[in-house]
Amino acid sequence: PDLTAVFVVFTGVFGAAVGEALMALLPLKSATARGA
């Protein structure tokens, strides 16, 4: 579990950064799609 917590942190930070970049590339006009 301690290692998993570390992996979760990196996944969250990296995912938020990549998600922001994807928003500029993908035509996601729906608020539902962006939130999901």
PDB file of all heavy atoms in Angstrom:
ATOM      1  N   PRO A   1       0.796  -1.226   0.000  1.00  0.00           N
ATOM      2  CA  PRO A   1       0.000   0.000   0.000  1.00  0.00           C
ATOM      3  C   PRO A   1       0.828   1.275   0.000  1.00  0.00           C
ATOM      4  O   PRO A   1       0.446   2.273  -0.617  1.00  0.00           O
ATOM      5  CB  PRO A   1      -0.815  -0.113   1.291  1.00  0.00           C
ATOM      6  CG  PRO A   1      -0.916  -1.586   1.540  1.00  0.00           C
ATOM      7  CD  PRO A   1       0.402  -2.148   1.072  1.00  0.00           C
ATOM      8  N   ASP A   2       1.984   1.257   0.677  1.00  0.00           N
ATOM      9  CA  ASP A   2       2.811   2.465   0.708  1.00  0.00           C
ATOM     10  C   ASP A   2       3.355   2.794  -0.680  1.00  0.00           C
ATOM     11  O   ASP A   2       3.375   3.966  -1.094  1.00  0.00           O
ATOM     12  CB  ASP A   2       3.955   2.311   1.713  1.00  0.00           C
ATOM     13  CG  ASP A   2       4.698   0.988   1.577  1.00  0.00           C
ATOM     14  OD1 ASP A   2       4.286   0.145   0.764  1.00  0.00           O
ATOM     15  OD2 ASP A   2       5.709   0.803   2.278  1.00  0.00           O
ATOM     16  N   LEU A   3       3.784   1.765  -1.418  1.00  0.00           N
ATOM     17  CA  LEU A   3       4.247   1.988  -2.790  1.00  0.00           C
ATOM     18  C   LEU A   3       3.090   2.418  -3.692  1.00  0.00           C
ATOM     19  O   LEU A   3       3.239   3.297  -4.544  1.00  0.00           O
ATOM     20  CB  LEU A   3       4.876   0.712  -3.354  1.00  0.00           C
ATOM     21  CG  LEU A   3       6.330   0.429  -3.005  1.00  0.00           C
ATOM     22  CD1 LEU A   3       6.752  -0.892  -3.620  1.00  0.00           C
ATOM     23  CD2 LEU A   3       7.235   1.543  -3.489  1.00  0.00           C
ATOM     24  N   THR A   4       1.944   1.811  -3.492  1.00  0.00           N
ATOM     25  CA  THR A   4       0.772   2.162  -4.290  1.00  0.00           C
ATOM     26  C   THR A   4       0.425   3.636  -4.116  1.00  0.00           C
ATOM     27  O   THR A   4       0.076   4.320  -5.085  1.00  0.00           O
ATOM     28  CB  THR A   4      -0.434   1.294  -3.890  1.00  0.00           C
ATOM     29  OG1 THR A   4      -0.127  -0.082  -4.136  1.00  0.00           O
ATOM     30  CG2 THR A   4      -1.670   1.678  -4.681  1.00  0.00           C
ATOM     31  N   ALA A   5       0.527   4.143  -2.888  1.00  0.00           N
ATOM     32  CA  ALA A   5       0.238   5.558  -2.636  1.00  0.00           C
ATOM     33  C   ALA A   5       1.158   6.464  -3.452  1.00  0.00           C
ATOM     34  O   ALA A   5       0.724   7.492  -3.992  1.00  0.00           O
ATOM     35  CB  ALA A   5       0.387   5.862  -1.147  1.00  0.00           C
ATOM     36  N   VAL A   6       2.422   6.072  -3.569  1.00  0.00           N
ATOM     37  CA  VAL A   6       3.375   6.854  -4.371  1.00  0.00           C
ATOM     38  C   VAL A   6       2.980   6.826  -5.841  1.00  0.00           C
ATOM     39  O   VAL A   6       2.980   7.861  -6.527  1.00  0.00           O
ATOM     40  CB  VAL A   6       4.812   6.309  -4.195  1.00  0.00           C
ATOM     41  CG1 VAL A   6       5.786   7.036  -5.124  1.00  0.00           C
ATOM     42  CG2 VAL A   6       5.261   6.456  -2.747  1.00  0.00           C
ATOM     43  N   PHE A   7       2.618   5.634  -6.337  1.00  0.00           N
ATOM     44  CA  PHE A   7       2.209   5.506  -7.741  1.00  0.00           C
ATOM     45  C   PHE A   7       0.944   6.318  -8.020  1.00  0.00           C
ATOM     46  O   PHE A   7       0.792   6.895  -9.095  1.00  0.00           O
ATOM     47  CB  PHE A   7       1.966   4.034  -8.079  1.00  0.00           C
ATOM     48  CG  PHE A   7       3.193   3.171  -7.975  1.00  0.00           C
ATOM     49  CD1 PHE A   7       3.100   1.859  -7.525  1.00  0.00           C
ATOM     50  CD2 PHE A   7       4.435   3.667  -8.336  1.00  0.00           C
ATOM     51  CE1 PHE A   7       4.232   1.055  -7.429  1.00  0.00           C
ATOM     52  CE2 PHE A   7       5.576   2.873  -8.239  1.00  0.00           C
ATOM     53  CZ  PHE A   7       5.471   1.577  -7.788  1.00  0.00           C
ATOM     54  N   VAL A   8       0.033   6.364  -7.057  1.00  0.00           N
ATOM     55  CA  VAL A   8      -1.198   7.134  -7.213  1.00  0.00           C
ATOM     56  C   VAL A   8      -0.891   8.619  -7.356  1.00  0.00           C
ATOM     57  O   VAL A   8      -1.473   9.314  -8.199  1.00  0.00           O
ATOM     58  CB  VAL A   8      -2.141   6.894  -6.013  1.00  0.00           C
ATOM     59  CG1 VAL A   8      -3.289   7.901  -6.023  1.00  0.00           C
ATOM     60  CG2 VAL A   8      -2.701   5.487  -6.047  1.00  0.00           C
ATOM     61  N   VAL A   9       0.032   9.110  -6.535  1.00  0.00           N
ATOM     62  CA  VAL A   9       0.400  10.525  -6.588  1.00  0.00           C
ATOM     63  C   VAL A   9       0.966  10.883  -7.961  1.00  0.00           C
ATOM     64  O   VAL A   9       0.544  11.876  -8.585  1.00  0.00           O
ATOM     65  CB  VAL A   9       1.426  10.860  -5.484  1.00  0.00           C
ATOM     66  CG1 VAL A   9       2.020  12.257  -5.708  1.00  0.00           C
ATOM     67  CG2 VAL A   9       0.771  10.787  -4.116  1.00  0.00           C
ATOM     68  N   PHE A  10       1.904  10.084  -8.438  1.00  0.00           N
ATOM     69  CA  PHE A  10       2.504  10.367  -9.743  1.00  0.00           C
ATOM     70  C   PHE A  10       1.477  10.251 -10.868  1.00  0.00           C
ATOM     71  O   PHE A  10       1.488  11.043 -11.809  1.00  0.00           O
ATOM     72  CB  PHE A  10       3.688   9.434  -9.991  1.00  0.00           C
ATOM     73  CG  PHE A  10       4.945   9.870  -9.308  1.00  0.00           C
ATOM     74  CD1 PHE A  10       5.400   9.199  -8.176  1.00  0.00           C
ATOM     75  CD2 PHE A  10       5.670  10.957  -9.762  1.00  0.00           C
ATOM     76  CE1 PHE A  10       6.555   9.604  -7.530  1.00  0.00           C
ATOM     77  CE2 PHE A  10       6.827  11.373  -9.118  1.00  0.00           C
ATOM     78  CZ  PHE A  10       7.271  10.701  -7.995  1.00  0.00           C
ATOM     79  N   THR A  11       0.585   9.275 -10.761  1.00  0.00           N
ATOM     80  CA  THR A  11      -0.454   9.127 -11.779  1.00  0.00           C
ATOM     81  C   THR A  11      -1.361  10.347 -11.812  1.00  0.00           C
ATOM     82  O   THR A  11      -1.705  10.858 -12.882  1.00  0.00           O
ATOM     83  CB  THR A  11      -1.300   7.870 -11.512  1.00  0.00           C
ATOM     84  OG1 THR A  11      -0.464   6.714 -11.565  1.00  0.00           O
ATOM     85  CG2 THR A  11      -2.411   7.729 -12.538  1.00  0.00           C
ATOM     86  N   GLY A  12      -1.737  10.835 -10.631  1.00  0.00           N
ATOM     87  CA  GLY A  12      -2.614  11.997 -10.564  1.00  0.00           C
ATOM     88  C   GLY A  12      -1.987  13.246 -11.134  1.00  0.00           C
ATOM     89  O   GLY A  12      -2.600  13.958 -11.944  1.00  0.00           O
ATOM     90  N   VAL A  13      -0.758  13.533 -10.721  1.00  0.00           N
ATOM     91  CA  VAL A  13      -0.075  14.744 -11.196  1.00  0.00           C
ATOM     92  C   VAL A  13       0.196  14.662 -12.693  1.00  0.00           C
ATOM     93  O   VAL A  13      -0.060  15.613 -13.452  1.00  0.00           O
ATOM     94  CB  VAL A  13       1.244  14.957 -10.415  1.00  0.00           C
ATOM     95  CG1 VAL A  13       2.022  16.133 -10.999  1.00  0.00           C
ATOM     96  CG2 VAL A  13       0.944  15.199  -8.948  1.00  0.00           C
ATOM     97  N   PHE A  14       0.714  13.504 -13.134  1.00  0.00           N
ATOM     98  CA  PHE A  14       1.005  13.325 -14.554  1.00  0.00           C
ATOM     99  C   PHE A  14      -0.274  13.343 -15.383  1.00  0.00           C
ATOM    100  O   PHE A  14      -0.333  13.948 -16.468  1.00  0.00           O
ATOM    101  CB  PHE A  14       1.748  12.005 -14.759  1.00  0.00           C
ATOM    102  CG  PHE A  14       2.181  11.764 -16.186  1.00  0.00           C
ATOM    103  CD1 PHE A  14       3.236  12.469 -16.731  1.00  0.00           C
ATOM    104  CD2 PHE A  14       1.507  10.835 -16.968  1.00  0.00           C
ATOM    105  CE1 PHE A  14       3.628  12.244 -18.046  1.00  0.00           C
ATOM    106  CE2 PHE A  14       1.893  10.611 -18.284  1.00  0.00           C
ATOM    107  CZ  PHE A  14       2.954  11.319 -18.827  1.00  0.00           C
ATOM    108  N   GLY A  15      -1.321  12.682 -14.874  1.00  0.00           N
ATOM    109  CA  GLY A  15      -2.587  12.640 -15.593  1.00  0.00           C
ATOM    110  C   GLY A  15      -3.208  14.011 -15.739  1.00  0.00           C
ATOM    111  O   GLY A  15      -3.773  14.338 -16.800  1.00  0.00           O
ATOM    112  N   ALA A  16      -3.120  14.842 -14.711  1.00  0.00           N
ATOM    113  CA  ALA A  16      -3.668  16.199 -14.793  1.00  0.00           C
ATOM    114  C   ALA A  16      -2.913  17.026 -15.824  1.00  0.00           C
ATOM    115  O   ALA A  16      -3.514  17.794 -16.586  1.00  0.00           O
ATOM    116  CB  ALA A  16      -3.606  16.866 -13.424  1.00  0.00           C
ATOM    117  N   ALA A  17      -1.587  16.868 -15.865  1.00  0.00           N
ATOM    118  CA  ALA A  17      -0.774  17.616 -16.831  1.00  0.00           C
ATOM    119  C   ALA A  17      -1.068  17.158 -18.257  1.00  0.00           C
ATOM    120  O   ALA A  17      -1.256  17.987 -19.169  1.00  0.00           O
ATOM    121  CB  ALA A  17       0.708  17.449 -16.510  1.00  0.00           C
ATOM    122  N   VAL A  18      -1.115  15.839 -18.470  1.00  0.00           N
ATOM    123  CA  VAL A  18      -1.395  15.307 -19.808  1.00  0.00           C
ATOM    124  C   VAL A  18      -2.830  15.638 -20.226  1.00  0.00           C
ATOM    125  O   VAL A  18      -3.089  15.965 -21.390  1.00  0.00           O
ATOM    126  CB  VAL A  18      -1.162  13.779 -19.839  1.00  0.00           C
ATOM    127  CG1 VAL A  18      -1.645  13.188 -21.151  1.00  0.00           C
ATOM    128  CG2 VAL A  18       0.318  13.478 -19.638  1.00  0.00           C
ATOM    129  N   GLY A  19      -3.756  15.562 -19.269  1.00  0.00           N
ATOM    130  CA  GLY A  19      -5.145  15.876 -19.580  1.00  0.00           C
ATOM    131  C   GLY A  19      -5.315  17.297 -20.069  1.00  0.00           C
ATOM    132  O   GLY A  19      -6.084  17.569 -21.005  1.00  0.00           O
ATOM    133  N   GLU A  20      -4.582  18.214 -19.468  1.00  0.00           N
ATOM    134  CA  GLU A  20      -4.645  19.613 -19.906  1.00  0.00           C
ATOM    135  C   GLU A  20      -4.134  19.749 -21.333  1.00  0.00           C
ATOM    136  O   GLU A  20      -4.677  20.519 -22.138  1.00  0.00           O
ATOM    137  CB  GLU A  20      -3.836  20.487 -18.954  1.00  0.00           C
ATOM    138  CG  GLU A  20      -4.054  21.977 -19.142  1.00  0.00           C
ATOM    139  CD  GLU A  20      -3.417  22.796 -18.036  1.00  0.00           C
ATOM    140  OE1 GLU A  20      -2.674  22.217 -17.212  1.00  0.00           O
ATOM    141  OE2 GLU A  20      -3.667  24.008 -17.989  1.00  0.00           O
ATOM    142  N   ALA A  21      -3.079  18.999 -21.668  1.00  0.00           N
ATOM    143  CA  ALA A  21      -2.551  19.045 -23.034  1.00  0.00           C
ATOM    144  C   ALA A  21      -3.538  18.419 -24.017  1.00  0.00           C
ATOM    145  O   ALA A  21      -3.730  18.925 -25.129  1.00  0.00           O
ATOM    146  CB  ALA A  21      -1.211  18.310 -23.089  1.00  0.00           C
ATOM    147  N   LEU A  22      -4.190  17.320 -23.601  1.00  0.00           N
ATOM    148  CA  LEU A  22      -5.168  16.659 -24.474  1.00  0.00           C
ATOM    149  C   LEU A  22      -6.372  17.558 -24.751  1.00  0.00           C
ATOM    150  O   LEU A  22      -6.965  17.494 -25.831  1.00  0.00           O
ATOM    151  CB  LEU A  22      -5.636  15.353 -23.845  1.00  0.00           C
ATOM    152  CG  LEU A  22      -4.653  14.182 -23.869  1.00  0.00           C
ATOM    153  CD1 LEU A  22      -5.223  12.997 -23.097  1.00  0.00           C
ATOM    154  CD2 LEU A  22      -4.333  13.776 -25.308  1.00  0.00           C
ATOM    155  N   MET A  23      -6.725  18.382 -23.781  1.00  0.00           N
ATOM    156  CA  MET A  23      -7.852  19.283 -23.972  1.00  0.00           C
ATOM    157  C   MET A  23      -7.626  20.229 -25.136  1.00  0.00           C
ATOM    158  O   MET A  23      -8.568  20.663 -25.807  1.00  0.00           O
ATOM    159  CB  MET A  23      -8.101  20.088 -22.692  1.00  0.00           C
ATOM    160  CG  MET A  23      -8.659  19.269 -21.554  1.00  0.00           C
ATOM    161  SD  MET A  23     -10.323  18.673 -21.883  1.00  0.00           S
ATOM    162  CE  MET A  23     -11.193  20.209 -21.971  1.00  0.00           C
ATOM    163  N   ALA A  24      -6.352  20.568 -25.370  1.00  0.00           N
ATOM    164  CA  ALA A  24      -6.034  21.474 -26.477  1.00  0.00           C
ATOM    165  C   ALA A  24      -6.033  20.748 -27.817  1.00  0.00           C
ATOM    166  O   ALA A  24      -6.122  21.383 -28.867  1.00  0.00           O
ATOM    167  CB  ALA A  24      -4.676  22.125 -26.236  1.00  0.00           C
ATOM    168  N   LEU A  25      -5.945  19.410 -27.802  1.00  0.00           N
ATOM    169  CA  LEU A  25      -5.863  18.634 -29.035  1.00  0.00           C
ATOM    170  C   LEU A  25      -7.178  17.966 -29.411  1.00  0.00           C
ATOM    171  O   LEU A  25      -7.488  17.820 -30.596  1.00  0.00           O
ATOM    172  CB  LEU A  25      -4.771  17.554 -28.897  1.00  0.00           C
ATOM    173  CG  LEU A  25      -3.338  18.061 -28.654  1.00  0.00           C
ATOM    174  CD1 LEU A  25      -2.402  16.880 -28.397  1.00  0.00           C
ATOM    175  CD2 LEU A  25      -2.853  18.872 -29.851  1.00  0.00           C
ATOM    176  N   LEU A  26      -7.955  17.537 -28.412  1.00  0.00           N
ATOM    177  CA  LEU A  26      -9.188  16.812 -28.678  1.00  0.00           C
ATOM    178  C   LEU A  26     -10.388  17.764 -28.700  1.00  0.00           C
ATOM    179  O   LEU A  26     -10.468  18.677 -27.878  1.00  0.00           O
ATOM    180  CB  LEU A  26      -9.414  15.740 -27.611  1.00  0.00           C
ATOM    181  CG  LEU A  26      -8.321  14.666 -27.488  1.00  0.00           C
ATOM    182  CD1 LEU A  26      -8.639  13.731 -26.335  1.00  0.00           C
ATOM    183  CD2 LEU A  26      -8.194  13.887 -28.791  1.00  0.00           C
ATOM    184  N   PRO A  27     -11.320  17.538 -29.614  1.00  0.00           N
ATOM    185  CA  PRO A  27     -12.502  18.412 -29.711  1.00  0.00           C
ATOM    186  C   PRO A  27     -13.567  18.045 -28.681  1.00  0.00           C
ATOM    187  O   PRO A  27     -14.681  17.638 -29.028  1.00  0.00           O
ATOM    188  CB  PRO A  27     -12.990  18.161 -31.140  1.00  0.00           C
ATOM    189  CG  PRO A  27     -12.611  16.740 -31.413  1.00  0.00           C
ATOM    190  CD  PRO A  27     -11.311  16.506 -30.681  1.00  0.00           C
ATOM    191  N   LEU A  28     -13.234  18.160 -27.389  1.00  0.00           N
ATOM    192  CA  LEU A  28     -14.169  17.799 -26.326  1.00  0.00           C
ATOM    193  C   LEU A  28     -14.976  19.034 -25.924  1.00  0.00           C
ATOM    194  O   LEU A  28     -14.553  19.812 -25.073  1.00  0.00           O
ATOM    195  CB  LEU A  28     -13.415  17.233 -25.120  1.00  0.00           C
ATOM    196  CG  LEU A  28     -12.600  15.958 -25.354  1.00  0.00           C
ATOM    197  CD1 LEU A  28     -11.903  15.522 -24.082  1.00  0.00           C
ATOM    198  CD2 LEU A  28     -13.489  14.840 -25.887  1.00  0.00           C
ATOM    199  N   LYS A  29     -16.126  19.197 -26.532  1.00  0.00           N
ATOM    200  CA  LYS A  29     -16.968  20.351 -26.234  1.00  0.00           C
ATOM    201  C   LYS A  29     -17.945  20.076 -25.092  1.00  0.00           C
ATOM    202  O   LYS A  29     -18.480  21.005 -24.489  1.00  0.00           O
ATOM    203  CB  LYS A  29     -17.746  20.752 -27.488  1.00  0.00           C
ATOM    204  CG  LYS A  29     -16.856  21.186 -28.645  1.00  0.00           C
ATOM    205  CD  LYS A  29     -17.666  21.586 -29.861  1.00  0.00           C
ATOM    206  CE  LYS A  29     -16.754  22.008 -31.015  1.00  0.00           C
ATOM    207  NZ  LYS A  29     -17.525  22.404 -32.224  1.00  0.00           N
ATOM    208  N   SER A  30     -18.169  18.813 -24.797  1.00  0.00           N
ATOM    209  CA  SER A  30     -19.103  18.436 -23.743  1.00  0.00           C
ATOM    210  C   SER A  30     -18.435  18.531 -22.366  1.00  0.00           C
ATOM    211  O   SER A  30     -17.326  18.030 -22.159  1.00  0.00           O
ATOM    212  CB  SER A  30     -19.603  17.010 -23.973  1.00  0.00           C
ATOM    213  OG  SER A  30     -20.243  16.511 -22.825  1.00  0.00           O
ATOM    214  N   ALA A  31     -19.133  19.154 -21.433  1.00  0.00           N
ATOM    215  CA  ALA A  31     -18.623  19.233 -20.066  1.00  0.00           C
ATOM    216  C   ALA A  31     -18.524  17.845 -19.447  1.00  0.00           C
ATOM    217  O   ALA A  31     -17.630  17.565 -18.645  1.00  0.00           O
ATOM    218  CB  ALA A  31     -19.530  20.125 -19.222  1.00  0.00           C
ATOM    219  N   THR A  32     -19.438  16.949 -19.839  1.00  0.00           N
ATOM    220  CA  THR A  32     -19.418  15.581 -19.330  1.00  0.00           C
ATOM    221  C   THR A  32     -18.148  14.850 -19.764  1.00  0.00           C
ATOM    222  O   THR A  32     -17.504  14.168 -18.964  1.00  0.00           O
ATOM    223  CB  THR A  32     -20.651  14.810 -19.837  1.00  0.00           C
ATOM    224  OG1 THR A  32     -21.830  15.523 -19.476  1.00  0.00           O
ATOM    225  CG2 THR A  32     -20.695  13.419 -19.249  1.00  0.00           C
ATOM    226  N   ALA A  33     -17.785  14.999 -21.030  1.00  0.00           N
ATOM    227  CA  ALA A  33     -16.580  14.339 -21.543  1.00  0.00           C
ATOM    228  C   ALA A  33     -15.333  14.893 -20.875  1.00  0.00           C
ATOM    229  O   ALA A  33     -14.420  14.141 -20.513  1.00  0.00           O
ATOM    230  CB  ALA A  33     -16.498  14.523 -23.059  1.00  0.00           C
ATOM    231  N   ARG A  34     -15.283  16.202 -20.700  1.00  0.00           N
ATOM    232  CA  ARG A  34     -14.101  16.808 -20.071  1.00  0.00           C
ATOM    233  C   ARG A  34     -13.970  16.358 -18.616  1.00  0.00           C
ATOM    234  O   ARG A  34     -12.873  16.040 -18.144  1.00  0.00           O
ATOM    235  CB  ARG A  34     -14.188  18.332 -20.160  1.00  0.00           C
ATOM    236  CG  ARG A  34     -14.078  18.881 -21.577  1.00  0.00           C
ATOM    237  CD  ARG A  34     -13.821  20.382 -21.561  1.00  0.00           C
ATOM    238  NE  ARG A  34     -14.963  21.113 -21.000  1.00  0.00           N
ATOM    239  CZ  ARG A  34     -15.951  21.614 -21.719  1.00  0.00           C
ATOM    240  NH1 ARG A  34     -15.964  21.456 -23.029  1.00  0.00           N
ATOM    241  NH2 ARG A  34     -16.944  22.274 -21.136  1.00  0.00           N
ATOM    242  N   GLY A  35     -15.088  16.315 -17.903  1.00  0.00           N
ATOM    243  CA  GLY A  35     -15.044  15.884 -16.511  1.00  0.00           C
ATOM    244  C   GLY A  35     -14.650  14.426 -16.381  1.00  0.00           C
ATOM    245  O   GLY A  35     -13.858  14.060 -15.513  1.00  0.00           O
ATOM    246  N   ALA A  36     -15.212  13.574 -17.262  1.00  0.00           N
ATOM    247  CA  ALA A  36     -14.884  12.152 -17.217  1.00  0.00           C
ATOM    248  C   ALA A  36     -13.408  11.917 -17.506  1.00  0.00           C
ATOM    249  O   ALA A  36     -12.768  11.055 -16.907  1.00  0.00           O
ATOM    250  CB  ALA A  36     -15.751  11.380 -18.207  1.00  0.00           C
TER     251      ALA A  36
END
